[in-house]
C-alpha atoms as a PDB file:
ATOM      1  CA  UNK A   1       4.895  -0.866 -27.471  1.00  0.00           C
ATOM      2  CA  UNK A   2       4.537  -2.125 -23.878  1.00  0.00           C
ATOM      3  CA  UNK A   3       2.914   1.077 -22.640  1.00  0.00           C
ATOM      4  CA  UNK A   4       0.074   0.702 -25.119  1.00  0.00           C
ATOM      5  CA  UNK A   5      -0.625  -2.854 -24.036  1.00  0.00           C
ATOM      6  CA  UNK A   6      -0.994  -2.118 -20.358  1.00  0.00           C
ATOM      7  CA  UNK A   7      -4.269  -3.602 -19.163  1.00  0.00           C
ATOM      8  CA  UNK A   8      -6.276  -2.727 -16.108  1.00  0.00           C
ATOM      9  CA  UNK A   9      -4.538  -4.307 -13.082  1.00  0.00           C
ATOM     10  CA  UNK A  10      -6.524  -6.217 -10.469  1.00  0.00           C
ATOM     11  CA  UNK A  11      -7.884  -4.215  -7.559  1.00  0.00           C
ATOM     12  CA  UNK A  12      -5.182  -3.768  -4.954  1.00  0.00           C
ATOM     13  CA  UNK A  13      -5.813  -5.212  -1.465  1.00  0.00           C
ATOM     14  CA  UNK A  14      -5.453  -1.710  -0.001  1.00  0.00           C
ATOM     15  CA  UNK A  15      -8.583  -0.680  -1.913  1.00  0.00           C
ATOM     16  CA  UNK A  16     -11.094  -2.373   0.327  1.00  0.00           C
ATOM     17  CA  UNK A  17     -14.204  -3.176  -1.680  1.00  0.00           C
ATOM     18  CA  UNK A  18     -16.472  -5.808  -0.167  1.00  0.00           C
ATOM     19  CA  UNK A  19     -20.125  -6.653   0.328  1.00  0.00           C
ATOM     20  CA  UNK A  20     -21.762  -8.620   3.118  1.00  0.00           C
ATOM     21  CA  UNK A  21     -22.780 -12.174   2.251  1.00  0.00           C
ATOM     22  CA  UNK A  22     -26.073 -11.506   4.062  1.00  0.00           C
ATOM     23  CA  UNK A  23     -27.655 -10.504   0.752  1.00  0.00           C
ATOM     24  CA  UNK A  24     -26.834 -13.729  -1.121  1.00  0.00           C
ATOM     25  CA  UNK A  25     -29.856 -15.889  -0.119  1.00  0.00           C
ATOM     26  CA  UNK A  26     -32.325 -13.192  -1.166  1.00  0.00           C
ATOM     27  CA  UNK A  27     -30.455 -12.619  -4.417  1.00  0.00           C
ATOM     28  CA  UNK A  28     -30.594 -16.328  -5.173  1.00  0.00           C
ATOM     29  CA  UNK A  29     -34.339 -16.324  -4.519  1.00  0.00           C
ATOM     30  CA  UNK A  30     -35.099 -13.367  -6.789  1.00  0.00           C
ATOM     31  CA  UNK A  31     -32.931 -14.779  -9.564  1.00  0.00           C
ATOM     32  CA  UNK A  32     -34.942 -17.991  -9.434  1.00  0.00           C
ATOM     33  CA  UNK A  33     -38.186 -16.006  -9.343  1.00  0.00           C
ATOM     34  CA  UNK A  34     -37.106 -14.195 -12.507  1.00  0.00           C
ATOM     35  CA  UNK A  35     -36.546 -17.488 -14.305  1.00  0.00           C
ATOM     36  CA  UNK A  36     -32.749 -17.458 -14.035  1.00  0.00           C
ATOM     37  CA  UNK A  37     -30.625 -20.466 -13.109  1.00  0.00           C
ATOM     38  CA  UNK A  38     -29.317 -19.151  -9.785  1.00  0.00           C
ATOM     39  CA  UNK A  39     -27.256 -22.262  -8.849  1.00  0.00           C
ATOM     40  CA  UNK A  40     -25.499 -22.028 -12.207  1.00  0.00           C
ATOM     41  CA  UNK A  41     -24.687 -18.325 -11.754  1.00  0.00           C
ATOM     42  CA  UNK A  42     -23.341 -18.944  -8.240  1.00  0.00           C
ATOM     43  CA  UNK A  43     -21.290 -21.944  -9.393  1.00  0.00           C
ATOM     44  CA  UNK A  44     -19.790 -20.006 -12.309  1.00  0.00           C
ATOM     45  CA  UNK A  45     -18.747 -17.298  -9.858  1.00  0.00           C
ATOM     46  CA  UNK A  46     -17.388 -19.636  -7.185  1.00  0.00           C
ATOM     47  CA  UNK A  47     -19.791 -18.339  -4.536  1.00  0.00           C
ATOM     48  CA  UNK A  48     -21.968 -20.245  -2.103  1.00  0.00           C
ATOM     49  CA  UNK A  49     -25.396 -19.020  -1.080  1.00  0.00           C
ATOM     50  CA  UNK A  50     -24.819 -20.583   2.359  1.00  0.00           C
ATOM     51  CA  UNK A  51     -21.992 -18.257   3.409  1.00  0.00           C
ATOM     52  CA  UNK A  52     -22.461 -16.853   6.904  1.00  0.00           C
ATOM     53  CA  UNK A  53     -24.147 -13.407   6.808  1.00  0.00           C
ATOM     54  CA  UNK A  54     -21.200 -11.846   8.647  1.00  0.00           C
ATOM     55  CA  UNK A  55     -18.757 -12.860   5.899  1.00  0.00           C
ATOM     56  CA  UNK A  56     -17.506 -10.140   3.581  1.00  0.00           C
ATOM     57  CA  UNK A  57     -16.982 -11.146  -0.035  1.00  0.00           C
ATOM     58  CA  UNK A  58     -14.903  -9.220  -2.597  1.00  0.00           C
ATOM     59  CA  UNK A  59     -17.049  -6.765  -4.488  1.00  0.00           C
ATOM     60  CA  UNK A  60     -15.577  -7.819  -7.823  1.00  0.00           C
ATOM     61  CA  UNK A  61     -16.788 -11.370  -7.116  1.00  0.00           C
ATOM     62  CA  UNK A  62     -20.283 -10.050  -6.409  1.00  0.00           C
ATOM     63  CA  UNK A  63     -20.430  -7.980  -9.597  1.00  0.00           C
ATOM     64  CA  UNK A  64     -19.255 -11.040 -11.536  1.00  0.00           C
ATOM     65  CA  UNK A  65     -22.167 -13.011 -10.049  1.00  0.00           C
ATOM     66  CA  UNK A  66     -24.637 -10.481 -11.429  1.00  0.00           C
ATOM     67  CA  UNK A  67     -22.872 -10.361 -14.799  1.00  0.00           C
ATOM     68  CA  UNK A  68     -23.059 -14.161 -15.039  1.00  0.00           C
ATOM     69  CA  UNK A  69     -26.761 -14.112 -14.195  1.00  0.00           C
ATOM     70  CA  UNK A  70     -27.417 -11.305 -16.660  1.00  0.00           C
ATOM     71  CA  UNK A  71     -25.864 -13.228 -19.541  1.00  0.00           C
ATOM     72  CA  UNK A  72     -28.534 -15.902 -19.120  1.00  0.00           C
ATOM     73  CA  UNK A  73     -31.242 -13.331 -19.904  1.00  0.00           C
ATOM     74  CA  UNK A  74     -29.654 -11.824 -23.006  1.00  0.00           C
ATOM     75  CA  UNK A  75     -31.094  -8.362 -23.642  1.00  0.00           C
ATOM     76  CA  UNK A  76     -34.060  -8.572 -21.256  1.00  0.00           C
ATOM     77  CA  UNK A  77     -32.617  -6.302 -18.506  1.00  0.00           C
ATOM     78  CA  UNK A  78     -33.439  -9.070 -16.068  1.00  0.00           C
ATOM     79  CA  UNK A  79     -31.205  -7.706 -13.311  1.00  0.00           C
ATOM     80  CA  UNK A  80     -33.306  -4.530 -13.088  1.00  0.00           C
ATOM     81  CA  UNK A  81     -36.361  -6.705 -12.452  1.00  0.00           C
ATOM     82  CA  UNK A  82     -34.378  -8.785  -9.931  1.00  0.00           C
ATOM     83  CA  UNK A  83     -33.535  -5.572  -8.086  1.00  0.00           C
ATOM     84  CA  UNK A  84     -37.217  -4.701  -8.003  1.00  0.00           C
ATOM     85  CA  UNK A  85     -38.153  -8.161  -6.746  1.00  0.00           C
ATOM     86  CA  UNK A  86     -35.723  -7.983  -3.846  1.00  0.00           C
ATOM     87  CA  UNK A  87     -37.036  -4.677  -2.472  1.00  0.00           C
ATOM     88  CA  UNK A  88     -39.816  -6.023  -0.259  1.00  0.00           C
ATOM     89  CA  UNK A  89     -37.895  -8.829   1.486  1.00  0.00           C
ATOM     90  CA  UNK A  90     -34.712  -6.738   1.716  1.00  0.00           C
ATOM     91  CA  UNK A  91     -36.471  -3.899   3.525  1.00  0.00           C
ATOM     92  CA  UNK A  92     -37.888  -6.337   6.045  1.00  0.00           C
ATOM     93  CA  UNK A  93     -34.679  -8.276   6.724  1.00  0.00           C
ATOM     94  CA  UNK A  94     -31.494  -6.634   5.415  1.00  0.00           C
ATOM     95  CA  UNK A  95     -32.320  -2.953   5.973  1.00  0.00           C
ATOM     96  CA  UNK A  96     -34.882  -2.670   8.783  1.00  0.00           C
ATOM     97  CA  UNK A  97     -33.453   0.441  10.449  1.00  0.00           C
ATOM     98  CA  UNK A  98     -35.444   2.810   8.235  1.00  0.00           C
ATOM     99  CA  UNK A  99     -38.762   1.154   8.944  1.00  0.00           C
ATOM    100  CA  UNK A 100     -39.385   3.324  11.979  1.00  0.00           C
ATOM    101  CA  UNK A 101     -39.411   6.435   9.793  1.00  0.00           C
ATOM    102  CA  UNK A 102     -42.709   8.188   9.130  1.00  0.00           C
ATOM    103  CA  UNK A 103     -41.759   9.824   5.794  1.00  0.00           C
ATOM    104  CA  UNK A 104     -40.330   8.390   2.607  1.00  0.00           C
ATOM    105  CA  UNK A 105     -37.419  10.836   2.712  1.00  0.00           C
ATOM    106  CA  UNK A 106     -36.342   9.597   6.131  1.00  0.00           C
ATOM    107  CA  UNK A 107     -36.584   5.979   5.048  1.00  0.00           C
ATOM    108  CA  UNK A 108     -34.475   6.616   1.941  1.00  0.00           C
ATOM    109  CA  UNK A 109     -31.799   8.398   3.979  1.00  0.00           C
ATOM    110  CA  UNK A 110     -31.558   5.481   6.395  1.00  0.00           C
ATOM    111  CA  UNK A 111     -31.617   2.990   3.547  1.00  0.00           C
ATOM    112  CA  UNK A 112     -28.726   4.681   1.743  1.00  0.00           C
ATOM    113  CA  UNK A 113     -26.712   4.617   4.984  1.00  0.00           C
ATOM    114  CA  UNK A 114     -27.506   0.917   5.454  1.00  0.00           C
ATOM    115  CA  UNK A 115     -26.426   0.155   1.890  1.00  0.00           C
ATOM    116  CA  UNK A 116     -23.159   1.974   2.584  1.00  0.00           C
ATOM    117  CA  UNK A 117     -22.636  -0.245   5.642  1.00  0.00           C
ATOM    118  CA  UNK A 118     -23.426  -3.400   3.669  1.00  0.00           C
ATOM    119  CA  UNK A 119     -21.035  -2.560   0.835  1.00  0.00           C
ATOM    120  CA  UNK A 120     -17.586  -1.026   1.254  1.00  0.00           C
ATOM    121  CA  UNK A 121     -15.715   0.820  -1.464  1.00  0.00           C
ATOM    122  CA  UNK A 122     -18.833   2.484  -2.846  1.00  0.00           C
ATOM    123  CA  UNK A 123     -20.834   5.686  -2.600  1.00  0.00           C
ATOM    124  CA  UNK A 124     -24.574   5.779  -1.968  1.00  0.00           C
ATOM    125  CA  UNK A 125     -25.785   9.358  -1.989  1.00  0.00           C
ATOM    126  CA  UNK A 126     -29.093  11.223  -1.800  1.00  0.00           C
ATOM    127  CA  UNK A 127     -29.289  14.833  -2.986  1.00  0.00           C
ATOM    128  CA  UNK A 128     -32.126  17.307  -3.433  1.00  0.00           C
ATOM    129  CA  UNK A 129     -31.817  20.186  -5.891  1.00  0.00           C
ATOM    130  CA  UNK A 130     -34.887  22.290  -6.501  1.00  0.00           C
ATOM    131  CA  UNK A 131     -37.833  20.016  -7.164  1.00  0.00           C
ATOM    132  CA  UNK A 132     -35.733  16.934  -7.981  1.00  0.00           C
ATOM    133  CA  UNK A 133     -34.251  14.249  -5.741  1.00  0.00           C
ATOM    134  CA  UNK A 134     -31.419  12.035  -6.967  1.00  0.00           C
ATOM    135  CA  UNK A 135     -30.225   8.708  -5.600  1.00  0.00           C
ATOM    136  CA  UNK A 136     -26.705   7.953  -6.817  1.00  0.00           C
ATOM    137  CA  UNK A 137     -24.560   4.835  -6.642  1.00  0.00           C
ATOM    138  CA  UNK A 138     -20.970   4.250  -7.708  1.00  0.00           C
ATOM    139  CA  UNK A 139     -18.230   1.704  -7.082  1.00  0.00           C
ATOM    140  CA  UNK A 140     -15.033   3.671  -6.533  1.00  0.00           C
ATOM    141  CA  UNK A 141     -12.453   1.338  -8.042  1.00  0.00           C
ATOM    142  CA  UNK A 142     -12.680   1.365 -11.871  1.00  0.00           C
ATOM    143  CA  UNK A 143     -10.771  -1.921 -11.993  1.00  0.00           C
ATOM    144  CA  UNK A 144     -13.915  -3.681 -10.758  1.00  0.00           C
ATOM    145  CA  UNK A 145     -15.353  -4.125 -14.220  1.00  0.00           C
ATOM    146  CA  UNK A 146     -17.660  -5.051 -15.897  1.00  0.00           C
ATOM    147  CA  UNK A 147     -20.349  -3.994 -13.467  1.00  0.00           C
ATOM    148  CA  UNK A 148     -23.282  -2.913 -15.618  1.00  0.00           C
ATOM    149  CA  UNK A 149     -25.677  -5.553 -14.278  1.00  0.00           C
ATOM    150  CA  UNK A 150     -24.789  -4.533 -10.712  1.00  0.00           C
ATOM    151  CA  UNK A 151     -25.744  -0.934 -11.512  1.00  0.00           C
ATOM    152  CA  UNK A 152     -29.066  -2.000 -13.026  1.00  0.00           C
ATOM    153  CA  UNK A 153     -29.798  -4.316 -10.087  1.00  0.00           C
ATOM    154  CA  UNK A 154     -29.089  -1.585  -7.533  1.00  0.00           C
ATOM    155  CA  UNK A 155     -31.082   1.149  -9.267  1.00  0.00           C
ATOM    156  CA  UNK A 156     -33.943  -1.266  -9.888  1.00  0.00           C
ATOM    157  CA  UNK A 157     -34.002  -1.959  -6.165  1.00  0.00           C
ATOM    158  CA  UNK A 158     -34.076   1.744  -5.274  1.00  0.00           C
ATOM    159  CA  UNK A 159     -36.786   2.409  -7.848  1.00  0.00           C
ATOM    160  CA  UNK A 160     -38.935  -0.355  -6.348  1.00  0.00           C
ATOM    161  CA  UNK A 161     -38.474   1.005  -2.820  1.00  0.00           C
ATOM    162  CA  UNK A 162     -39.767   4.402  -3.945  1.00  0.00           C
ATOM    163  CA  UNK A 163     -42.740   2.857  -5.716  1.00  0.00           C
ATOM    164  CA  UNK A 164     -43.456   0.623  -2.707  1.00  0.00           C
ATOM    165  CA  UNK A 165     -44.657   3.745  -0.897  1.00  0.00           C
ATOM    166  CA  UNK A 166     -45.373   6.250  -3.687  1.00  0.00           C
ATOM    167  CA  UNK A 167     -47.077   4.103  -6.312  1.00  0.00           C
ATOM    168  CA  UNK A 168     -46.028   4.321  -9.956  1.00  0.00           C
ATOM    169  CA  UNK A 169     -43.336   6.980 -10.195  1.00  0.00           C
ATOM    170  CA  UNK A 170     -42.195   8.541 -13.486  1.00  0.00           C
ATOM    171  CA  UNK A 171     -38.406   8.780 -13.339  1.00  0.00           C
ATOM    172  CA  UNK A 172     -37.112  12.213 -14.275  1.00  0.00           C
ATOM    173  CA  UNK A 173     -33.778  10.661 -15.266  1.00  0.00           C
ATOM    174  CA  UNK A 174     -31.962   7.330 -15.250  1.00  0.00           C
ATOM    175  CA  UNK A 175     -28.177   7.533 -15.675  1.00  0.00           C
ATOM    176  CA  UNK A 176     -25.690   4.675 -16.016  1.00  0.00           C
ATOM    177  CA  UNK A 177     -21.905   4.820 -16.171  1.00  0.00           C
ATOM    178  CA  UNK A 178     -21.469   1.913 -18.586  1.00  0.00           C
ATOM    179  CA  UNK A 179     -21.800   2.182 -22.342  1.00  0.00           C
ATOM    180  CA  UNK A 180     -25.081   1.464 -24.090  1.00  0.00           C
ATOM    181  CA  UNK A 181     -25.700  -2.226 -24.672  1.00  0.00           C
ATOM    182  CA  UNK A 182     -28.437  -4.500 -25.929  1.00  0.00           C
ATOM    183  CA  UNK A 183     -30.542  -4.059 -22.784  1.00  0.00           C
ATOM    184  CA  UNK A 184     -31.459  -0.439 -23.540  1.00  0.00           C
ATOM    185  CA  UNK A 185     -34.961  -1.022 -24.920  1.00  0.00           C
ATOM    186  CA  UNK A 186     -35.981  -3.488 -22.209  1.00  0.00           C
ATOM    187  CA  UNK A 187     -34.562  -1.246 -19.500  1.00  0.00           C
ATOM    188  CA  UNK A 188     -36.431   1.787 -20.839  1.00  0.00           C
ATOM    189  CA  UNK A 189     -39.698  -0.154 -20.751  1.00  0.00           C
ATOM    190  CA  UNK A 190     -39.193  -1.286 -17.176  1.00  0.00           C
ATOM    191  CA  UNK A 191     -37.889   2.021 -15.820  1.00  0.00           C
ATOM    192  CA  UNK A 192     -40.382   4.198 -17.672  1.00  0.00           C
ATOM    193  CA  UNK A 193     -37.723   6.477 -19.173  1.00  0.00           C
ATOM    194  CA  UNK A 194     -34.856   6.233 -21.639  1.00  0.00           C
ATOM    195  CA  UNK A 195     -31.561   5.555 -19.827  1.00  0.00           C
ATOM    196  CA  UNK A 196     -28.547   7.809 -20.371  1.00  0.00           C
ATOM    197  CA  UNK A 197     -25.273   5.930 -20.779  1.00  0.00           C
ATOM    198  CA  UNK A 198     -21.624   6.852 -20.226  1.00  0.00           C
ATOM    199  CA  UNK A 199     -22.423   9.046 -17.220  1.00  0.00           C
ATOM    200  CA  UNK A 200     -20.170   9.881 -14.246  1.00  0.00           C
ATOM    201  CA  UNK A 201     -22.185   7.669 -11.923  1.00  0.00           C
ATOM    202  CA  UNK A 202     -25.310   5.549 -11.716  1.00  0.00           C
ATOM    203  CA  UNK A 203     -28.300   7.639 -10.716  1.00  0.00           C
ATOM    204  CA  UNK A 204     -32.058   7.891 -10.784  1.00  0.00           C
ATOM    205  CA  UNK A 205     -33.978  11.126 -10.310  1.00  0.00           C
ATOM    206  CA  UNK A 206     -37.592  11.637  -9.273  1.00  0.00           C
ATOM    207  CA  UNK A 207     -39.856  14.436  -7.957  1.00  0.00           C
ATOM    208  CA  UNK A 208     -38.606  15.649  -4.566  1.00  0.00           C
ATOM    209  CA  UNK A 209     -42.173  16.156  -3.335  1.00  0.00           C
ATOM    210  CA  UNK A 210     -42.395  12.386  -2.884  1.00  0.00           C
ATOM    211  CA  UNK A 211     -39.958  12.613   0.025  1.00  0.00           C
ATOM    212  CA  UNK A 212     -42.751  14.047   2.181  1.00  0.00           C
ATOM    213  CA  UNK A 213     -45.070  11.096   1.630  1.00  0.00           C
ATOM    214  CA  UNK A 214     -46.197   9.510   4.882  1.00  0.00           C
ATOM    215  CA  UNK A 215     -45.356   5.868   5.555  1.00  0.00           C
ATOM    216  CA  UNK A 216     -48.107   3.850   7.178  1.00  0.00           C
ATOM    217  CA  UNK A 217     -47.161   2.729  10.664  1.00  0.00           C
ATOM    218  CA  UNK A 218     -48.217  -0.840   9.874  1.00  0.00           C
ATOM    219  CA  UNK A 219     -46.321  -1.036   6.565  1.00  0.00           C
ATOM    220  CA  UNK A 220     -43.733  -3.361   8.137  1.00  0.00           C
ATOM    221  CA  UNK A 221     -43.061  -5.022  11.490  1.00  0.00           C
ATOM    222  CA  UNK A 222     -41.429  -2.754  14.062  1.00  0.00           C
ATOM    223  CA  UNK A 223     -37.646  -2.696  13.520  1.00  0.00           C
ATOM    224  CA  UNK A 224     -35.604  -4.582  16.057  1.00  0.00           C
ATOM    225  CA  UNK A 225     -31.887  -4.727  16.810  1.00  0.00           C
ATOM    226  CA  UNK A 226     -29.754  -3.793  13.775  1.00  0.00           C
ATOM    227  CA  UNK A 227     -28.579  -6.916  11.916  1.00  0.00           C
ATOM    228  CA  UNK A 228     -24.962  -7.964  12.403  1.00  0.00           C
ATOM    229  CA  UNK A 229     -24.034  -7.060   8.830  1.00  0.00           C
ATOM    230  CA  UNK A 230     -24.932  -3.408   9.514  1.00  0.00           C
ATOM    231  CA  UNK A 231     -22.844  -3.075  12.674  1.00  0.00           C
ATOM    232  CA  UNK A 232     -19.424  -3.085  11.063  1.00  0.00           C
ATOM    233  CA  UNK A 233     -17.373  -0.053  11.986  1.00  0.00           C
ATOM    234  CA  UNK A 234     -16.743   1.852   8.776  1.00  0.00           C
ATOM    235  CA  UNK A 235     -14.126   4.108  10.349  1.00  0.00           C
ATOM    236  CA  UNK A 236     -11.604   1.500  11.468  1.00  0.00           C
ATOM    237  CA  UNK A 237      -8.384   0.535   9.754  1.00  0.00           C
ATOM    238  CA  UNK A 238      -5.358   2.448   8.540  1.00  0.00           C
ATOM    239  CA  UNK A 239      -5.982   6.210   8.290  1.00  0.00           C
ATOM    240  CA  UNK A 240      -4.122   6.192   4.974  1.00  0.00           C
ATOM    241  CA  UNK A 241      -6.581   3.646   3.682  1.00  0.00           C
ATOM    242  CA  UNK A 242      -9.396   6.013   4.591  1.00  0.00           C
ATOM    243  CA  UNK A 243      -7.601   8.840   2.797  1.00  0.00           C
ATOM    244  CA  UNK A 244      -7.053   6.670  -0.265  1.00  0.00           C
ATOM    245  CA  UNK A 245     -10.712   5.676  -0.283  1.00  0.00           C
ATOM    246  CA  UNK A 246     -11.800   9.315  -0.031  1.00  0.00           C
ATOM    247  CA  UNK A 247      -9.571  10.168  -2.999  1.00  0.00           C
ATOM    248  CA  UNK A 248     -11.036   7.353  -5.105  1.00  0.00           C
ATOM    249  CA  UNK A 249     -14.514   8.526  -4.192  1.00  0.00           C
ATOM    250  CA  UNK A 250     -13.685  11.896  -5.750  1.00  0.00           C
ATOM    251  CA  UNK A 251     -11.620  10.804  -8.754  1.00  0.00           C
ATOM    252  CA  UNK A 252     -13.691  10.795 -11.916  1.00  0.00           C
ATOM    253  CA  UNK A 253     -16.205  13.315 -10.602  1.00  0.00           C
ATOM    254  CA  UNK A 254     -14.361  16.516 -11.527  1.00  0.00           C
ATOM    255  CA  UNK A 255     -11.727  18.738  -9.887  1.00  0.00           C
ATOM    256  CA  UNK A 256     -11.038  18.447  -6.147  1.00  0.00           C
ATOM    257  CA  UNK A 257      -8.408  19.608  -3.692  1.00  0.00           C
ATOM    258  CA  UNK A 258      -6.652  18.303  -0.606  1.00  0.00           C
ATOM    259  CA  UNK A 259      -8.980  20.547   1.384  1.00  0.00           C
ATOM    260  CA  UNK A 260     -11.991  18.781  -0.136  1.00  0.00           C
ATOM    261  CA  UNK A 261     -10.627  15.419   1.008  1.00  0.00           C
ATOM    262  CA  UNK A 262     -10.052  16.766   4.515  1.00  0.00           C
ATOM    263  CA  UNK A 263     -13.652  17.977   4.641  1.00  0.00           C
ATOM    264  CA  UNK A 264     -14.931  14.635   3.335  1.00  0.00           C
ATOM    265  CA  UNK A 265     -13.108  12.879   6.169  1.00  0.00           C
ATOM    266  CA  UNK A 266     -14.286  15.347   8.802  1.00  0.00           C
ATOM    267  CA  UNK A 267     -10.720  16.541   9.393  1.00  0.00           C
ATOM    268  CA  UNK A 268      -9.059  19.916   9.446  1.00  0.00           C
ATOM    269  CA  UNK A 269      -6.463  20.616   6.798  1.00  0.00           C
ATOM    270  CA  UNK A 270      -3.767  20.477   9.483  1.00  0.00           C
ATOM    271  CA  UNK A 271      -4.932  17.081  10.750  1.00  0.00           C
ATOM    272  CA  UNK A 272      -4.886  15.648   7.241  1.00  0.00           C
ATOM    273  CA  UNK A 273      -1.388  17.005   6.617  1.00  0.00           C
ATOM    274  CA  UNK A 274      -0.230  15.434   9.890  1.00  0.00           C
ATOM    275  CA  UNK A 275      -1.515  12.040   8.778  1.00  0.00           C
ATOM    276  CA  UNK A 276       0.125  12.459   5.388  1.00  0.00           C
ATOM    277  CA  UNK A 277       3.456  13.435   6.939  1.00  0.00           C
ATOM    278  CA  UNK A 278       3.818   9.905   8.338  1.00  0.00           C
ATOM    279  CA  UNK A 279       5.677   7.276   6.326  1.00  0.00           C
ATOM    280  CA  UNK A 280       3.918   6.250   3.135  1.00  0.00           C
ATOM    281  CA  UNK A 281       2.848   7.680  -0.205  1.00  0.00           C
ATOM    282  CA  UNK A 282       2.080  11.377  -0.476  1.00  0.00           C
ATOM    283  CA  UNK A 283      -1.319  12.856  -1.252  1.00  0.00           C
ATOM    284  CA  UNK A 284      -0.075  13.611  -4.759  1.00  0.00           C
ATOM    285  CA  UNK A 285       1.113  10.033  -5.279  1.00  0.00           C
ATOM    286  CA  UNK A 286      -2.177   8.542  -4.071  1.00  0.00           C
ATOM    287  CA  UNK A 287      -4.130  10.941  -6.274  1.00  0.00           C
ATOM    288  CA  UNK A 288      -1.969  10.191  -9.314  1.00  0.00           C
ATOM    289  CA  UNK A 289      -2.398   6.431  -8.816  1.00  0.00           C
ATOM    290  CA  UNK A 290      -6.177   6.770  -8.612  1.00  0.00           C
ATOM    291  CA  UNK A 291      -6.224   9.074 -11.637  1.00  0.00           C
ATOM    292  CA  UNK A 292      -4.190   6.600 -13.686  1.00  0.00           C
ATOM    293  CA  UNK A 293      -6.537   3.733 -12.816  1.00  0.00           C
ATOM    294  CA  UNK A 294      -9.516   5.827 -13.875  1.00  0.00           C
ATOM    295  CA  UNK A 295      -7.801   7.001 -17.070  1.00  0.00           C
ATOM    296  CA  UNK A 296      -6.920   3.439 -18.076  1.00  0.00           C
ATOM    297  CA  UNK A 297     -10.490   2.338 -17.456  1.00  0.00           C
ATOM    298  CA  UNK A 298     -12.037   5.264 -19.333  1.00  0.00           C
ATOM    299  CA  UNK A 299      -9.753   4.880 -22.344  1.00  0.00           C
ATOM    300  CA  UNK A 300     -10.078   1.109 -22.577  1.00  0.00           C
ATOM    301  CA  UNK A 301     -13.678   0.529 -21.492  1.00  0.00           C
ATOM    302  CA  UNK A 302     -15.625   3.596 -22.603  1.00  0.00           C
ATOM    303  CA  UNK A 303     -16.139   5.836 -25.610  1.00  0.00           C
ATOM    304  CA  UNK A 304     -15.808   9.035 -23.603  1.00  0.00           C
ATOM    305  CA  UNK A 305     -14.036  11.875 -25.443  1.00  0.00           C
ATOM    306  CA  UNK A 306     -10.524  12.446 -24.137  1.00  0.00           C
ATOM    307  CA  UNK A 307     -11.509  15.997 -23.190  1.00  0.00           C
ATOM    308  CA  UNK A 308     -14.321  14.660 -20.995  1.00  0.00           C
ATOM    309  CA  UNK A 309     -11.939  12.200 -19.325  1.00  0.00           C
ATOM    310  CA  UNK A 310      -9.511  15.053 -18.647  1.00  0.00           C
ATOM    311  CA  UNK A 311     -12.251  17.135 -16.985  1.00  0.00           C
ATOM    312  CA  UNK A 312     -13.478  14.234 -14.875  1.00  0.00           C
ATOM    313  CA  UNK A 313      -9.927  13.730 -13.643  1.00  0.00           C
ATOM    314  CA  UNK A 314      -9.586  17.378 -12.642  1.00  0.00           C
ATOM    315  CA  UNK A 315      -7.124  18.529 -15.314  1.00  0.00           C
ATOM    316  CA  UNK A 316      -7.384  22.093 -16.553  1.00  0.00           C
ATOM    317  CA  UNK A 317      -7.464  20.979 -20.185  1.00  0.00           C
ATOM    318  CA  UNK A 318      -6.950  18.007 -22.462  1.00  0.00           C
ATOM    319  CA  UNK A 319      -3.318  18.909 -23.080  1.00  0.00           C
ATOM    320  CA  UNK A 320      -2.454  18.810 -19.368  1.00  0.00           C
ATOM    321  CA  UNK A 321      -4.006  15.359 -19.104  1.00  0.00           C
ATOM    322  CA  UNK A 322      -2.179  14.100 -22.200  1.00  0.00           C
ATOM    323  CA  UNK A 323       1.182  15.302 -20.850  1.00  0.00           C
ATOM    324  CA  UNK A 324       0.613  13.710 -17.438  1.00  0.00           C
ATOM    325  CA  UNK A 325      -0.555  10.450 -19.003  1.00  0.00           C
ATOM    326  CA  UNK A 326       2.407  10.259 -21.389  1.00  0.00           C
ATOM    327  CA  UNK A 327       4.828  10.947 -18.524  1.00  0.00           C
ATOM    328  CA  UNK A 328       3.573   7.877 -16.638  1.00  0.00           C
ATOM    329  CA  UNK A 329       2.827   5.438 -19.470  1.00  0.00           C
ATOM    330  CA  UNK A 330       5.123   6.595 -22.253  1.00  0.00           C
ATOM    331  CA  UNK A 331       2.185   6.873 -24.651  1.00  0.00           C
ATOM    332  CA  UNK A 332      -0.507   9.447 -25.443  1.00  0.00           C
ATOM    333  CA  UNK A 333      -4.115   8.740 -24.401  1.00  0.00           C
ATOM    334  CA  UNK A 334      -5.140   8.412 -28.044  1.00  0.00           C
ATOM    335  CA  UNK A 335      -2.560   5.679 -28.553  1.00  0.00           C
ATOM    336  CA  UNK A 336      -3.912   3.569 -25.711  1.00  0.00           C
ATOM    337  CA  UNK A 337      -7.446   3.961 -27.005  1.00  0.00           C
ATOM    338  CA  UNK A 338      -6.437   2.836 -30.513  1.00  0.00           C
ATOM    339  CA  UNK A 339      -4.597  -0.134 -29.035  1.00  0.00           C
ATOM    340  CA  UNK A 340      -7.636  -1.108 -26.940  1.00  0.00           C
ATOM    341  CA  UNK A 341      -9.873  -0.842 -30.002  1.00  0.00           C
ATOM    342  CA  UNK A 342      -7.651  -3.030 -32.158  1.00  0.00           C
ATOM    343  CA  UNK A 343      -7.418  -5.712 -29.458  1.00  0.00           C
ATOM    344  CA  UNK A 344     -11.215  -5.691 -28.942  1.00  0.00           C
END
């Protein structure tokens, strides 16, 4: 049955997901410092460490680089340690704008914004609820997969930044969107807590009181002019592309409305409708496309219950999701999952 054999399509050009090449030299250095064969990983990926810092490389190519490096280390969770190793030099060179902050909370806010500028097609978010602060990271397009080593690398980096100023920090929670793999034990040892797998996003949580920690004025050199890779305008391009990106940011995180997307974009509901009235796909069509991509990924790449997938996609119940999925693919969600299992 053709519908059951549909695989995840490549990321469409309209879904802009890139990362600045400015990070590649440091990544090569920390891979070598961790005992990995960095030239081999770069060669296998078709990337050069000498790319100009202003170049943008496809995010799926970058995640493949980290996957290739991770395979060399087996189950040692080496990419988490690489992320930790890169923290010190990255703060001084890639992300200097936060170094003028006097509190850890201010530095983390600036750092998350700088990461967002470095890497398009992703969400970097800091939230405080009660006595807990969370730092979350997620690539929007589910077709960029696998990406487990990228998640571990990024969270390892953020963990090291916190500990750079706060000392040893017990993580309240470490969440990862990929399924549990052989790195679980090594990752738990390095992170100091047992990771949770199959989550909606990649996230680490720690005591919010640490945000008030003072940063010594002489901790780093005074920040200068923002690096070129952080000066890209994130608001340029086709407005519909921005709308599509905002939709993908929301898909997989629970129910949302057209009004939520307008608010995310800083628009009124009327302004968003005006943009959508121009030629091109409707809001419903863009949402359905993003939902289908996420559903295909979740059914083929994860062990999530179908009911959980339905909720993440904003359906009122599992039956509504199954009907919508069958209408588009000609097959029930359970059929695609069985087909994916038999082919794996």
